[in-house]
């Protein structure tokens, strides 16, 4: 699909599309920075065992030989870093979930007009 066709079908123009992309990118970057700061502040780290377990899980779910996938990931530092960060982010979110306190608030009923 060409960009003009995409804009026509979506009812969006180039400026609107770029604005949406910019807003989405800002959300992603802010979320990543918050997770990183929380992980740093709470000394949340990944371990080699967690990394190997994640590689094994990915290999099994993709029906790939775990050793081949491990070699593939370990041969590229960027791939290794991305997987390690994924584990750290998941651990950070899990940490946050244990700290969340749910407080139920009663919904205010609007006054009926007479």
C-alpha atoms as a PDB file:
ATOM      1  CA  UNK A   1       0.000   0.000   0.000  1.00  0.00           C
ATOM      2  CA  UNK A   2       1.362   3.391  -1.003  1.00  0.00           C
ATOM      3  CA  UNK A   3       1.362   6.272   1.490  1.00  0.00           C
ATOM      4  CA  UNK A   4      -1.252   8.240  -0.472  1.00  0.00           C
ATOM      5  CA  UNK A   5      -3.548   5.223  -0.456  1.00  0.00           C
ATOM      6  CA  UNK A   6      -2.963   4.769   3.286  1.00  0.00           C
ATOM      7  CA  UNK A   7      -3.814   8.415   3.989  1.00  0.00           C
ATOM      8  CA  UNK A   8      -6.944   8.184   1.859  1.00  0.00           C
ATOM      9  CA  UNK A   9      -8.188   4.995   3.542  1.00  0.00           C
ATOM     10  CA  UNK A  10      -7.355   6.162   7.055  1.00  0.00           C
ATOM     11  CA  UNK A  11      -8.802   9.637   6.583  1.00  0.00           C
ATOM     12  CA  UNK A  12      -5.544  11.097   7.827  1.00  0.00           C
ATOM     13  CA  UNK A  13      -3.102  13.495   6.213  1.00  0.00           C
ATOM     14  CA  UNK A  14       0.689  13.440   6.411  1.00  0.00           C
ATOM     15  CA  UNK A  15       0.824  16.006   9.223  1.00  0.00           C
ATOM     16  CA  UNK A  16      -1.755  14.116  11.290  1.00  0.00           C
ATOM     17  CA  UNK A  17       0.108  10.867  10.721  1.00  0.00           C
ATOM     18  CA  UNK A  18       3.422  12.408  11.775  1.00  0.00           C
ATOM     19  CA  UNK A  19       1.787  13.942  14.856  1.00  0.00           C
ATOM     20  CA  UNK A  20       0.355  10.548  15.865  1.00  0.00           C
ATOM     21  CA  UNK A  21       3.728   8.882  15.343  1.00  0.00           C
ATOM     22  CA  UNK A  22       5.429  11.572  17.415  1.00  0.00           C
ATOM     23  CA  UNK A  23       2.932  11.183  20.266  1.00  0.00           C
ATOM     24  CA  UNK A  24       3.258   7.387  20.214  1.00  0.00           C
ATOM     25  CA  UNK A  25       7.053   7.630  20.205  1.00  0.00           C
ATOM     26  CA  UNK A  26       6.956  10.003  23.180  1.00  0.00           C
ATOM     27  CA  UNK A  27       4.820   7.545  25.151  1.00  0.00           C
ATOM     28  CA  UNK A  28       7.163   4.653  24.340  1.00  0.00           C
ATOM     29  CA  UNK A  29      10.275   6.630  25.297  1.00  0.00           C
ATOM     30  CA  UNK A  30       8.750   7.924  28.543  1.00  0.00           C
ATOM     31  CA  UNK A  31       7.603   4.427  29.509  1.00  0.00           C
ATOM     32  CA  UNK A  32      11.075   3.031  28.828  1.00  0.00           C
ATOM     33  CA  UNK A  33      12.741   5.790  30.853  1.00  0.00           C
ATOM     34  CA  UNK A  34      10.389   5.270  33.805  1.00  0.00           C
ATOM     35  CA  UNK A  35      10.944   1.501  33.774  1.00  0.00           C
ATOM     36  CA  UNK A  36      14.704   1.995  33.563  1.00  0.00           C
ATOM     37  CA  UNK A  37      14.695   4.483  36.450  1.00  0.00           C
ATOM     38  CA  UNK A  38      12.571   2.160  38.596  1.00  0.00           C
ATOM     39  CA  UNK A  39      14.800  -0.809  37.801  1.00  0.00           C
ATOM     40  CA  UNK A  40      17.908   1.217  38.665  1.00  0.00           C
ATOM     41  CA  UNK A  41      16.398   2.575  41.888  1.00  0.00           C
ATOM     42  CA  UNK A  42      15.388  -0.907  43.026  1.00  0.00           C
ATOM     43  CA  UNK A  43      18.500  -2.710  41.749  1.00  0.00           C
ATOM     44  CA  UNK A  44      16.488  -4.953  39.446  1.00  0.00           C
ATOM     45  CA  UNK A  45      18.835  -6.973  37.266  1.00  0.00           C
ATOM     46  CA  UNK A  46      18.652  -9.984  34.994  1.00  0.00           C
ATOM     47  CA  UNK A  47      20.705 -13.091  35.565  1.00  0.00           C
ATOM     48  CA  UNK A  48      22.381 -15.411  33.067  1.00  0.00           C
ATOM     49  CA  UNK A  49      19.993 -18.141  34.224  1.00  0.00           C
ATOM     50  CA  UNK A  50      16.987 -15.955  33.415  1.00  0.00           C
ATOM     51  CA  UNK A  51      18.471 -15.110  30.034  1.00  0.00           C
ATOM     52  CA  UNK A  52      19.044 -18.765  29.193  1.00  0.00           C
ATOM     53  CA  UNK A  53      15.544 -19.672  30.417  1.00  0.00           C
ATOM     54  CA  UNK A  54      14.066 -16.958  28.179  1.00  0.00           C
ATOM     55  CA  UNK A  55      16.062 -18.198  25.197  1.00  0.00           C
ATOM     56  CA  UNK A  56      14.851 -21.741  25.873  1.00  0.00           C
ATOM     57  CA  UNK A  57      11.233 -20.554  26.187  1.00  0.00           C
ATOM     58  CA  UNK A  58      11.496 -18.630  22.912  1.00  0.00           C
ATOM     59  CA  UNK A  59      13.102 -21.600  21.179  1.00  0.00           C
ATOM     60  CA  UNK A  60      10.417 -24.024  22.340  1.00  0.00           C
ATOM     61  CA  UNK A  61       7.572 -21.681  21.372  1.00  0.00           C
ATOM     62  CA  UNK A  62       9.168 -21.131  17.940  1.00  0.00           C
ATOM     63  CA  UNK A  63      10.156 -24.783  17.469  1.00  0.00           C
ATOM     64  CA  UNK A  64      13.816 -23.871  17.094  1.00  0.00           C
ATOM     65  CA  UNK A  65      16.781 -25.751  18.528  1.00  0.00           C
ATOM     66  CA  UNK A  66      17.586 -23.896  21.805  1.00  0.00           C
ATOM     67  CA  UNK A  67      21.343 -24.129  21.195  1.00  0.00           C
ATOM     68  CA  UNK A  68      21.021 -22.594  17.719  1.00  0.00           C
ATOM     69  CA  UNK A  69      18.887 -19.747  19.075  1.00  0.00           C
ATOM     70  CA  UNK A  70      21.302 -19.191  21.946  1.00  0.00           C
ATOM     71  CA  UNK A  71      24.241 -19.015  19.517  1.00  0.00           C
ATOM     72  CA  UNK A  72      22.284 -16.622  17.292  1.00  0.00           C
ATOM     73  CA  UNK A  73      21.464 -14.291  20.192  1.00  0.00           C
ATOM     74  CA  UNK A  74      24.922 -14.407  21.745  1.00  0.00           C
ATOM     75  CA  UNK A  75      26.697 -13.618  18.462  1.00  0.00           C
ATOM     76  CA  UNK A  76      25.135 -10.133  18.324  1.00  0.00           C
ATOM     77  CA  UNK A  77      25.470  -7.853  21.351  1.00  0.00           C
ATOM     78  CA  UNK A  78      22.440  -5.822  20.316  1.00  0.00           C
ATOM     79  CA  UNK A  79      20.179  -8.893  20.211  1.00  0.00           C
ATOM     80  CA  UNK A  80      21.570  -9.976  23.572  1.00  0.00           C
ATOM     81  CA  UNK A  81      21.004  -6.505  25.036  1.00  0.00           C
ATOM     82  CA  UNK A  82      17.418  -6.362  23.726  1.00  0.00           C
ATOM     83  CA  UNK A  83      16.542  -9.709  25.284  1.00  0.00           C
ATOM     84  CA  UNK A  84      18.225  -8.782  28.575  1.00  0.00           C
ATOM     85  CA  UNK A  85      16.297  -5.487  28.669  1.00  0.00           C
ATOM     86  CA  UNK A  86      13.056  -7.336  27.955  1.00  0.00           C
ATOM     87  CA  UNK A  87      13.707  -9.543  30.988  1.00  0.00           C
ATOM     88  CA  UNK A  88      14.624  -6.553  33.162  1.00  0.00           C
ATOM     89  CA  UNK A  89      11.503  -4.655  32.093  1.00  0.00           C
ATOM     90  CA  UNK A  90       9.300  -7.672  32.834  1.00  0.00           C
ATOM     91  CA  UNK A  91      10.883  -8.022  36.273  1.00  0.00           C
ATOM     92  CA  UNK A  92      10.353  -4.301  36.900  1.00  0.00           C
ATOM     93  CA  UNK A  93       6.667  -4.524  35.971  1.00  0.00           C
ATOM     94  CA  UNK A  94       6.308  -7.612  38.195  1.00  0.00           C
ATOM     95  CA  UNK A  95       7.940  -5.629  41.006  1.00  0.00           C
ATOM     96  CA  UNK A  96       5.489  -2.764  40.491  1.00  0.00           C
ATOM     97  CA  UNK A  97       2.533  -5.136  40.591  1.00  0.00           C
ATOM     98  CA  UNK A  98       3.616  -6.328  44.043  1.00  0.00           C
ATOM     99  CA  UNK A  99       3.714  -2.710  45.242  1.00  0.00           C
ATOM    100  CA  UNK A 100       0.361  -1.584  43.865  1.00  0.00           C
ATOM    101  CA  UNK A 101      -2.382  -0.987  46.367  1.00  0.00           C
ATOM    102  CA  UNK A 102      -5.843  -0.976  44.840  1.00  0.00           C
ATOM    103  CA  UNK A 103      -8.190   1.509  46.433  1.00  0.00           C
ATOM    104  CA  UNK A 104     -11.809   1.299  45.465  1.00  0.00           C
ATOM    105  CA  UNK A 105     -13.626   4.580  45.362  1.00  0.00           C
ATOM    106  CA  UNK A 106     -17.331   5.007  45.297  1.00  0.00           C
ATOM    107  CA  UNK A 107     -18.705   6.534  42.152  1.00  0.00           C
ATOM    108  CA  UNK A 108     -20.414   9.845  42.788  1.00  0.00           C
ATOM    109  CA  UNK A 109     -23.979   9.957  41.583  1.00  0.00           C
ATOM    110  CA  UNK A 110     -24.924  13.100  39.752  1.00  0.00           C
ATOM    111  CA  UNK A 111     -27.794  15.012  41.243  1.00  0.00           C
ATOM    112  CA  UNK A 112     -30.989  14.650  39.316  1.00  0.00           C
ATOM    113  CA  UNK A 113     -32.437  17.838  37.892  1.00  0.00           C
ATOM    114  CA  UNK A 114     -36.021  18.544  38.716  1.00  0.00           C
END
